Amino acid sequence: MNDARKITAVLPARLLATAQTNSGASLTQTLKTALEQYNHSEWCRKLLATQGQFKLDIDLEDLRRDREFDAHGNVL
């Protein structure tokens, strides 16, 4: 993590304590995880907002034929 920033933030002590207890990690790791989860949820929200906006020329049968299966018929 070469581009790390040291920050000062005023946050509710109970919120931090609960989050850190739930994560079982250090304060830094707890905050990092929370920010990663926030970024992921925003990415998902934006992706879902695009639903139905793209025309995909994908043939479902072609996709099914393109898969590889093991001896028991499970997709690899």
PDB file of N, CA and C in Angstrom:
ATOM      1  N   MET A   1       0.847  -1.171   0.000  1.00  0.00           N
ATOM      2  CA  MET A   1       0.000   0.000   0.000  1.00  0.00           C
ATOM      3  C   MET A   1       0.895   1.236   0.000  1.00  0.00           C
ATOM      4  N   ASN A   2       1.391   1.607  -1.153  1.00  0.00           N
ATOM      5  CA  ASN A   2       2.300   2.733  -1.270  1.00  0.00           C
ATOM      6  C   ASN A   2       1.584   4.072  -1.238  1.00  0.00           C
ATOM      7  N   ASP A   3       0.324   4.095  -1.567  1.00  0.00           N
ATOM      8  CA  ASP A   3      -0.407   5.354  -1.636  1.00  0.00           C
ATOM      9  C   ASP A   3      -1.329   5.547  -0.439  1.00  0.00           C
ATOM     10  N   ALA A   4      -0.916   5.097   0.718  1.00  0.00           N
ATOM     11  CA  ALA A   4      -1.724   5.206   1.928  1.00  0.00           C
ATOM     12  C   ALA A   4      -1.751   6.648   2.421  1.00  0.00           C
ATOM     13  N   ARG A   5      -2.859   6.988   3.054  1.00  0.00           N
ATOM     14  CA  ARG A   5      -2.991   8.305   3.650  1.00  0.00           C
ATOM     15  C   ARG A   5      -3.305   8.156   5.121  1.00  0.00           C
ATOM     16  N   LYS A   6      -2.703   8.987   5.925  1.00  0.00           N
ATOM     17  CA  LYS A   6      -3.024   9.029   7.341  1.00  0.00           C
ATOM     18  C   LYS A   6      -4.109  10.082   7.502  1.00  0.00           C
ATOM     19  N   ILE A   7      -5.199   9.716   8.188  1.00  0.00           N
ATOM     20  CA  ILE A   7      -6.339  10.620   8.310  1.00  0.00           C
ATOM     21  C   ILE A   7      -6.709  10.832   9.768  1.00  0.00           C
ATOM     22  N   THR A   8      -7.449  11.892  10.002  1.00  0.00           N
ATOM     23  CA  THR A   8      -8.063  12.148  11.296  1.00  0.00           C
ATOM     24  C   THR A   8      -9.554  12.249  11.045  1.00  0.00           C
ATOM     25  N   ALA A   9     -10.313  11.486  11.784  1.00  0.00           N
ATOM     26  CA  ALA A   9     -11.766  11.508  11.611  1.00  0.00           C
ATOM     27  C   ALA A   9     -12.430  11.459  12.978  1.00  0.00           C
ATOM     28  N   VAL A  10     -13.512  12.182  13.102  1.00  0.00           N
ATOM     29  CA  VAL A  10     -14.291  12.166  14.333  1.00  0.00           C
ATOM     30  C   VAL A  10     -15.472  11.236  14.094  1.00  0.00           C
ATOM     31  N   LEU A  11     -15.448  10.089  14.779  1.00  0.00           N
ATOM     32  CA  LEU A  11     -16.473   9.063  14.610  1.00  0.00           C
ATOM     33  C   LEU A  11     -17.002   8.655  15.980  1.00  0.00           C
ATOM     34  N   PRO A  12     -18.252   8.227  16.040  1.00  0.00           N
ATOM     35  CA  PRO A  12     -18.812   7.784  17.321  1.00  0.00           C
ATOM     36  C   PRO A  12     -18.032   6.583  17.878  1.00  0.00           C
ATOM     37  N   ALA A  13     -17.621   6.678  19.131  1.00  0.00           N
ATOM     38  CA  ALA A  13     -16.810   5.631  19.759  1.00  0.00           C
ATOM     39  C   ALA A  13     -17.546   4.293  19.766  1.00  0.00           C
ATOM     40  N   ARG A  14     -18.840   4.314  20.034  1.00  0.00           N
ATOM     41  CA  ARG A  14     -19.615   3.074  20.091  1.00  0.00           C
ATOM     42  C   ARG A  14     -19.659   2.406  18.714  1.00  0.00           C
ATOM     43  N   LEU A  15     -19.803   3.205  17.670  1.00  0.00           N
ATOM     44  CA  LEU A  15     -19.824   2.672  16.305  1.00  0.00           C
ATOM     45  C   LEU A  15     -18.496   1.995  15.973  1.00  0.00           C
ATOM     46  N   LEU A  16     -17.399   2.651  16.302  1.00  0.00           N
ATOM     47  CA  LEU A  16     -16.077   2.063  16.052  1.00  0.00           C
ATOM     48  C   LEU A  16     -15.860   0.794  16.872  1.00  0.00           C
ATOM     49  N   ALA A  17     -16.236   0.849  18.149  1.00  0.00           N
ATOM     50  CA  ALA A  17     -16.027  -0.309  19.021  1.00  0.00           C
ATOM     51  C   ALA A  17     -16.842  -1.507  18.537  1.00  0.00           C
ATOM     52  N   THR A  18     -18.080  -1.272  18.158  1.00  0.00           N
ATOM     53  CA  THR A  18     -18.929  -2.360  17.676  1.00  0.00           C
ATOM     54  C   THR A  18     -18.381  -2.943  16.385  1.00  0.00           C
ATOM     55  N   ALA A  19     -18.002  -2.079  15.469  1.00  0.00           N
ATOM     56  CA  ALA A  19     -17.460  -2.548  14.195  1.00  0.00           C
ATOM     57  C   ALA A  19     -16.179  -3.346  14.403  1.00  0.00           C
ATOM     58  N   GLN A  20     -15.329  -2.860  15.269  1.00  0.00           N
ATOM     59  CA  GLN A  20     -14.061  -3.553  15.524  1.00  0.00           C
ATOM     60  C   GLN A  20     -14.295  -4.884  16.232  1.00  0.00           C
ATOM     61  N   THR A  21     -15.245  -4.927  17.147  1.00  0.00           N
ATOM     62  CA  THR A  21     -15.576  -6.182  17.824  1.00  0.00           C
ATOM     63  C   THR A  21     -16.139  -7.186  16.820  1.00  0.00           C
ATOM     64  N   ASN A  22     -17.027  -6.717  15.959  1.00  0.00           N
ATOM     65  CA  ASN A  22     -17.630  -7.604  14.963  1.00  0.00           C
ATOM     66  C   ASN A  22     -16.609  -8.128  13.968  1.00  0.00           C
ATOM     67  N   SER A  23     -15.656  -7.304  13.594  1.00  0.00           N
ATOM     68  CA  SER A  23     -14.670  -7.728  12.602  1.00  0.00           C
ATOM     69  C   SER A  23     -13.551  -8.545  13.228  1.00  0.00           C
ATOM     70  N   GLY A  24     -13.262  -8.292  14.488  1.00  0.00           N
ATOM     71  CA  GLY A  24     -12.159  -8.989  15.145  1.00  0.00           C
ATOM     72  C   GLY A  24     -10.802  -8.558  14.605  1.00  0.00           C
ATOM     73  N   ALA A  25     -10.765  -7.406  13.962  1.00  0.00           N
ATOM     74  CA  ALA A  25      -9.531  -6.927  13.344  1.00  0.00           C
ATOM     75  C   ALA A  25      -9.099  -5.616  13.995  1.00  0.00           C
ATOM     76  N   SER A  26      -7.948  -5.142  13.565  1.00  0.00           N
ATOM     77  CA  SER A  26      -7.449  -3.865  14.067  1.00  0.00           C
ATOM     78  C   SER A  26      -8.358  -2.738  13.576  1.00  0.00           C
ATOM     79  N   LEU A  27      -8.210  -1.575  14.177  1.00  0.00           N
ATOM     80  CA  LEU A  27      -9.016  -0.432  13.770  1.00  0.00           C
ATOM     81  C   LEU A  27      -8.752  -0.086  12.307  1.00  0.00           C
ATOM     82  N   THR A  28      -7.499  -0.076  11.911  1.00  0.00           N
ATOM     83  CA  THR A  28      -7.153   0.231  10.526  1.00  0.00           C
ATOM     84  C   THR A  28      -7.795  -0.767   9.577  1.00  0.00           C
ATOM     85  N   GLN A  29      -7.687  -2.053   9.872  1.00  0.00           N
ATOM     86  CA  GLN A  29      -8.254  -3.079   9.004  1.00  0.00           C
ATOM     87  C   GLN A  29      -9.773  -2.999   8.988  1.00  0.00           C
ATOM     88  N   THR A  30     -10.384  -2.685  10.127  1.00  0.00           N
ATOM     89  CA  THR A  30     -11.832  -2.543  10.199  1.00  0.00           C
ATOM     90  C   THR A  30     -12.308  -1.404   9.308  1.00  0.00           C
ATOM     91  N   LEU A  31     -11.641  -0.261   9.376  1.00  0.00           N
ATOM     92  CA  LEU A  31     -12.012   0.876   8.533  1.00  0.00           C
ATOM     93  C   LEU A  31     -11.758   0.579   7.061  1.00  0.00           C
ATOM     94  N   LYS A  32     -10.649  -0.090   6.766  1.00  0.00           N
ATOM     95  CA  LYS A  32     -10.343  -0.446   5.377  1.00  0.00           C
ATOM     96  C   LYS A  32     -11.429  -1.370   4.814  1.00  0.00           C
ATOM     97  N   THR A  33     -11.820  -2.376   5.588  1.00  0.00           N
ATOM     98  CA  THR A  33     -12.861  -3.306   5.166  1.00  0.00           C
ATOM     99  C   THR A  33     -14.188  -2.581   4.950  1.00  0.00           C
ATOM    100  N   ALA A  34     -14.527  -1.671   5.857  1.00  0.00           N
ATOM    101  CA  ALA A  34     -15.770  -0.913   5.730  1.00  0.00           C
ATOM    102  C   ALA A  34     -15.774  -0.077   4.451  1.00  0.00           C
ATOM    103  N   LEU A  35     -14.658   0.562   4.149  1.00  0.00           N
ATOM    104  CA  LEU A  35     -14.571   1.369   2.928  1.00  0.00           C
ATOM    105  C   LEU A  35     -14.636   0.497   1.681  1.00  0.00           C
ATOM    106  N   GLU A  36     -13.986  -0.673   1.721  1.00  0.00           N
ATOM    107  CA  GLU A  36     -14.054  -1.590   0.578  1.00  0.00           C
ATOM    108  C   GLU A  36     -15.484  -2.063   0.353  1.00  0.00           C
ATOM    109  N   GLN A  37     -16.190  -2.391   1.435  1.00  0.00           N
ATOM    110  CA  GLN A  37     -17.574  -2.840   1.317  1.00  0.00           C
ATOM    111  C   GLN A  37     -18.473  -1.723   0.798  1.00  0.00           C
ATOM    112  N   TYR A  38     -18.225  -0.501   1.243  1.00  0.00           N
ATOM    113  CA  TYR A  38     -19.003   0.638   0.743  1.00  0.00           C
ATOM    114  C   TYR A  38     -18.776   0.825  -0.751  1.00  0.00           C
ATOM    115  N   ASN A  39     -17.512   0.798  -1.167  1.00  0.00           N
ATOM    116  CA  ASN A  39     -17.199   0.953  -2.587  1.00  0.00           C
ATOM    117  C   ASN A  39     -17.828  -0.153  -3.423  1.00  0.00           C
ATOM    118  N   HIS A  40     -17.811  -1.368  -2.916  1.00  0.00           N
ATOM    119  CA  HIS A  40     -18.407  -2.492  -3.635  1.00  0.00           C
ATOM    120  C   HIS A  40     -19.923  -2.315  -3.760  1.00  0.00           C
ATOM    121  N   SER A  41     -20.566  -1.899  -2.688  1.00  0.00           N
ATOM    122  CA  SER A  41     -22.021  -1.732  -2.736  1.00  0.00           C
ATOM    123  C   SER A  41     -22.406  -0.610  -3.700  1.00  0.00           C
ATOM    124  N   GLU A  42     -21.621   0.448  -3.757  1.00  0.00           N
ATOM    125  CA  GLU A  42     -21.885   1.526  -4.713  1.00  0.00           C
ATOM    126  C   GLU A  42     -21.687   1.045  -6.149  1.00  0.00           C
ATOM    127  N   TRP A  43     -20.652   0.243  -6.380  1.00  0.00           N
ATOM    128  CA  TRP A  43     -20.404  -0.317  -7.712  1.00  0.00           C
ATOM    129  C   TRP A  43     -21.594  -1.190  -8.126  1.00  0.00           C
ATOM    130  N   CYS A  44     -22.083  -2.018  -7.209  1.00  0.00           N
ATOM    131  CA  CYS A  44     -23.234  -2.883  -7.501  1.00  0.00           C
ATOM    132  C   CYS A  44     -24.481  -2.053  -7.782  1.00  0.00           C
ATOM    133  N   ARG A  45     -24.693  -0.999  -6.999  1.00  0.00           N
ATOM    134  CA  ARG A  45     -25.856  -0.138  -7.199  1.00  0.00           C
ATOM    135  C   ARG A  45     -25.813   0.496  -8.590  1.00  0.00           C
ATOM    136  N   LYS A  46     -24.653   0.984  -8.986  1.00  0.00           N
ATOM    137  CA  LYS A  46     -24.511   1.604 -10.306  1.00  0.00           C
ATOM    138  C   LYS A  46     -24.685   0.574 -11.417  1.00  0.00           C
ATOM    139  N   LEU A  47     -24.163  -0.615 -11.213  1.00  0.00           N
ATOM    140  CA  LEU A  47     -24.324  -1.675 -12.210  1.00  0.00           C
ATOM    141  C   LEU A  47     -25.793  -2.046 -12.369  1.00  0.00           C
ATOM    142  N   LEU A  48     -26.506  -2.201 -11.259  1.00  0.00           N
ATOM    143  CA  LEU A  48     -27.931  -2.534 -11.322  1.00  0.00           C
ATOM    144  C   LEU A  48     -28.744  -1.424 -11.984  1.00  0.00           C
ATOM    145  N   ALA A  49     -28.294  -0.187 -11.840  1.00  0.00           N
ATOM    146  CA  ALA A  49     -28.999   0.938 -12.459  1.00  0.00           C
ATOM    147  C   ALA A  49     -28.917   0.877 -13.981  1.00  0.00           C
ATOM    148  N   THR A  50     -27.947   0.158 -14.521  1.00  0.00           N
ATOM    149  CA  THR A  50     -27.806   0.042 -15.979  1.00  0.00           C
ATOM    150  C   THR A  50     -28.635  -1.107 -16.545  1.00  0.00           C
ATOM    151  N   GLN A  51     -29.335  -1.832 -15.693  1.00  0.00           N
ATOM    152  CA  GLN A  51     -30.097  -2.996 -16.128  1.00  0.00           C
ATOM    153  C   GLN A  51     -31.069  -2.623 -17.246  1.00  0.00           C
ATOM    154  N   GLY A  52     -30.993  -3.371 -18.337  1.00  0.00           N
ATOM    155  CA  GLY A  52     -31.867  -3.154 -19.473  1.00  0.00           C
ATOM    156  C   GLY A  52     -31.407  -2.073 -20.429  1.00  0.00           C
ATOM    157  N   GLN A  53     -30.255  -1.458 -20.181  1.00  0.00           N
ATOM    158  CA  GLN A  53     -29.782  -0.370 -21.027  1.00  0.00           C
ATOM    159  C   GLN A  53     -28.828  -0.830 -22.127  1.00  0.00           C
ATOM    160  N   PHE A  54     -28.448  -2.092 -22.116  1.00  0.00           N
ATOM    161  CA  PHE A  54     -27.503  -2.594 -23.105  1.00  0.00           C
ATOM    162  C   PHE A  54     -28.140  -3.719 -23.911  1.00  0.00           C
ATOM    163  N   LYS A  55     -27.946  -3.672 -25.207  1.00  0.00           N
ATOM    164  CA  LYS A  55     -28.425  -4.747 -26.086  1.00  0.00           C
ATOM    165  C   LYS A  55     -27.276  -5.721 -26.269  1.00  0.00           C
ATOM    166  N   LEU A  56     -27.441  -6.927 -25.771  1.00  0.00           N
ATOM    167  CA  LEU A  56     -26.401  -7.942 -25.883  1.00  0.00           C
ATOM    168  C   LEU A  56     -26.812  -8.967 -26.933  1.00  0.00           C
ATOM    169  N   ASP A  57     -25.944  -9.190 -27.892  1.00  0.00           N
ATOM    170  CA  ASP A  57     -26.197 -10.186 -28.930  1.00  0.00           C
ATOM    171  C   ASP A  57     -25.541 -11.499 -28.525  1.00  0.00           C
ATOM    172  N   ILE A  58     -26.063 -12.093 -27.464  1.00  0.00           N
ATOM    173  CA  ILE A  58     -25.527 -13.347 -26.948  1.00  0.00           C
ATOM    174  C   ILE A  58     -26.592 -14.417 -27.106  1.00  0.00           C
ATOM    175  N   ASP A  59     -26.205 -15.511 -27.718  1.00  0.00           N
ATOM    176  CA  ASP A  59     -27.122 -16.629 -27.883  1.00  0.00           C
ATOM    177  C   ASP A  59     -26.932 -17.577 -26.697  1.00  0.00           C
ATOM    178  N   LEU A  60     -27.957 -17.748 -25.918  1.00  0.00           N
ATOM    179  CA  LEU A  60     -27.882 -18.584 -24.728  1.00  0.00           C
ATOM    180  C   LEU A  60     -27.472 -20.012 -25.072  1.00  0.00           C
ATOM    181  N   GLU A  61     -27.964 -20.546 -26.172  1.00  0.00           N
ATOM    182  CA  GLU A  61     -27.595 -21.912 -26.571  1.00  0.00           C
ATOM    183  C   GLU A  61     -26.109 -22.007 -26.915  1.00  0.00           C
ATOM    184  N   ASP A  62     -25.545 -20.967 -27.540  1.00  0.00           N
ATOM    185  CA  ASP A  62     -24.101 -20.949 -27.813  1.00  0.00           C
ATOM    186  C   ASP A  62     -23.300 -20.957 -26.519  1.00  0.00           C
ATOM    187  N   LEU A  63     -23.749 -20.197 -25.539  1.00  0.00           N
ATOM    188  CA  LEU A  63     -23.064 -20.176 -24.244  1.00  0.00           C
ATOM    189  C   LEU A  63     -23.107 -21.550 -23.584  1.00  0.00           C
ATOM    190  N   ARG A  64     -24.250 -22.195 -23.668  1.00  0.00           N
ATOM    191  CA  ARG A  64     -24.386 -23.526 -23.061  1.00  0.00           C
ATOM    192  C   ARG A  64     -23.505 -24.555 -23.760  1.00  0.00           C
ATOM    193  N   ARG A  65     -23.409 -24.483 -25.076  1.00  0.00           N
ATOM    194  CA  ARG A  65     -22.570 -25.428 -25.824  1.00  0.00           C
ATOM    195  C   ARG A  65     -21.082 -25.191 -25.558  1.00  0.00           C
ATOM    196  N   ASP A  66     -20.726 -23.982 -25.185  1.00  0.00           N
ATOM    197  CA  ASP A  66     -19.327 -23.601 -24.988  1.00  0.00           C
ATOM    198  C   ASP A  66     -18.768 -24.094 -23.655  1.00  0.00           C
ATOM    199  N   ARG A  67     -19.623 -24.539 -22.747  1.00  0.00           N
ATOM    200  CA  ARG A  67     -19.160 -24.985 -21.425  1.00  0.00           C
ATOM    201  C   ARG A  67     -18.512 -26.357 -21.497  1.00  0.00           C
ATOM    202  N   GLU A  68     -17.601 -26.596 -20.550  1.00  0.00           N
ATOM    203  CA  GLU A  68     -16.974 -27.910 -20.426  1.00  0.00           C
ATOM    204  C   GLU A  68     -17.565 -28.613 -19.208  1.00  0.00           C
ATOM    205  N   PHE A  69     -17.719 -29.925 -19.315  1.00  0.00           N
ATOM    206  CA  PHE A  69     -18.310 -30.707 -18.236  1.00  0.00           C
ATOM    207  C   PHE A  69     -17.355 -31.796 -17.792  1.00  0.00           C
ATOM    208  N   ASP A  70     -17.461 -32.184 -16.506  1.00  0.00           N
ATOM    209  CA  ASP A  70     -16.663 -33.311 -16.021  1.00  0.00           C
ATOM    210  C   ASP A  70     -17.438 -34.598 -16.280  1.00  0.00           C
ATOM    211  N   ALA A  71     -16.907 -35.723 -15.821  1.00  0.00           N
ATOM    212  CA  ALA A  71     -17.493 -37.042 -16.074  1.00  0.00           C
ATOM    213  C   ALA A  71     -18.899 -37.185 -15.473  1.00  0.00           C
ATOM    214  N   HIS A  72     -19.228 -36.335 -14.467  1.00  0.00           N
ATOM    215  CA  HIS A  72     -20.535 -36.412 -13.807  1.00  0.00           C
ATOM    216  C   HIS A  72     -21.528 -35.387 -14.342  1.00  0.00           C
ATOM    217  N   GLY A  73     -21.145 -34.641 -15.375  1.00  0.00           N
ATOM    218  CA  GLY A  73     -22.039 -33.654 -15.957  1.00  0.00           C
ATOM    219  C   GLY A  73     -22.008 -32.290 -15.288  1.00  0.00           C
ATOM    220  N   ASN A  74     -21.062 -32.106 -14.361  1.00  0.00           N
ATOM    221  CA  ASN A  74     -20.945 -30.813 -13.688  1.00  0.00           C
ATOM    222  C   ASN A  74     -20.123 -29.853 -14.540  1.00  0.00           C
ATOM    223  N   VAL A  75     -20.523 -28.595 -14.540  1.00  0.00           N
ATOM    224  CA  VAL A  75     -19.785 -27.578 -15.302  1.00  0.00           C
ATOM    225  C   VAL A  75     -18.441 -27.357 -14.646  1.00  0.00           C
ATOM    226  N   LEU A  76     -17.397 -27.337 -15.470  1.00  0.00           N
ATOM    227  CA  LEU A  76     -16.045 -27.090 -14.941  1.00  0.00           C
ATOM    228  C   LEU A  76     -15.767 -25.612 -14.852  1.00  0.00           C
TER     229      LEU A  76
END
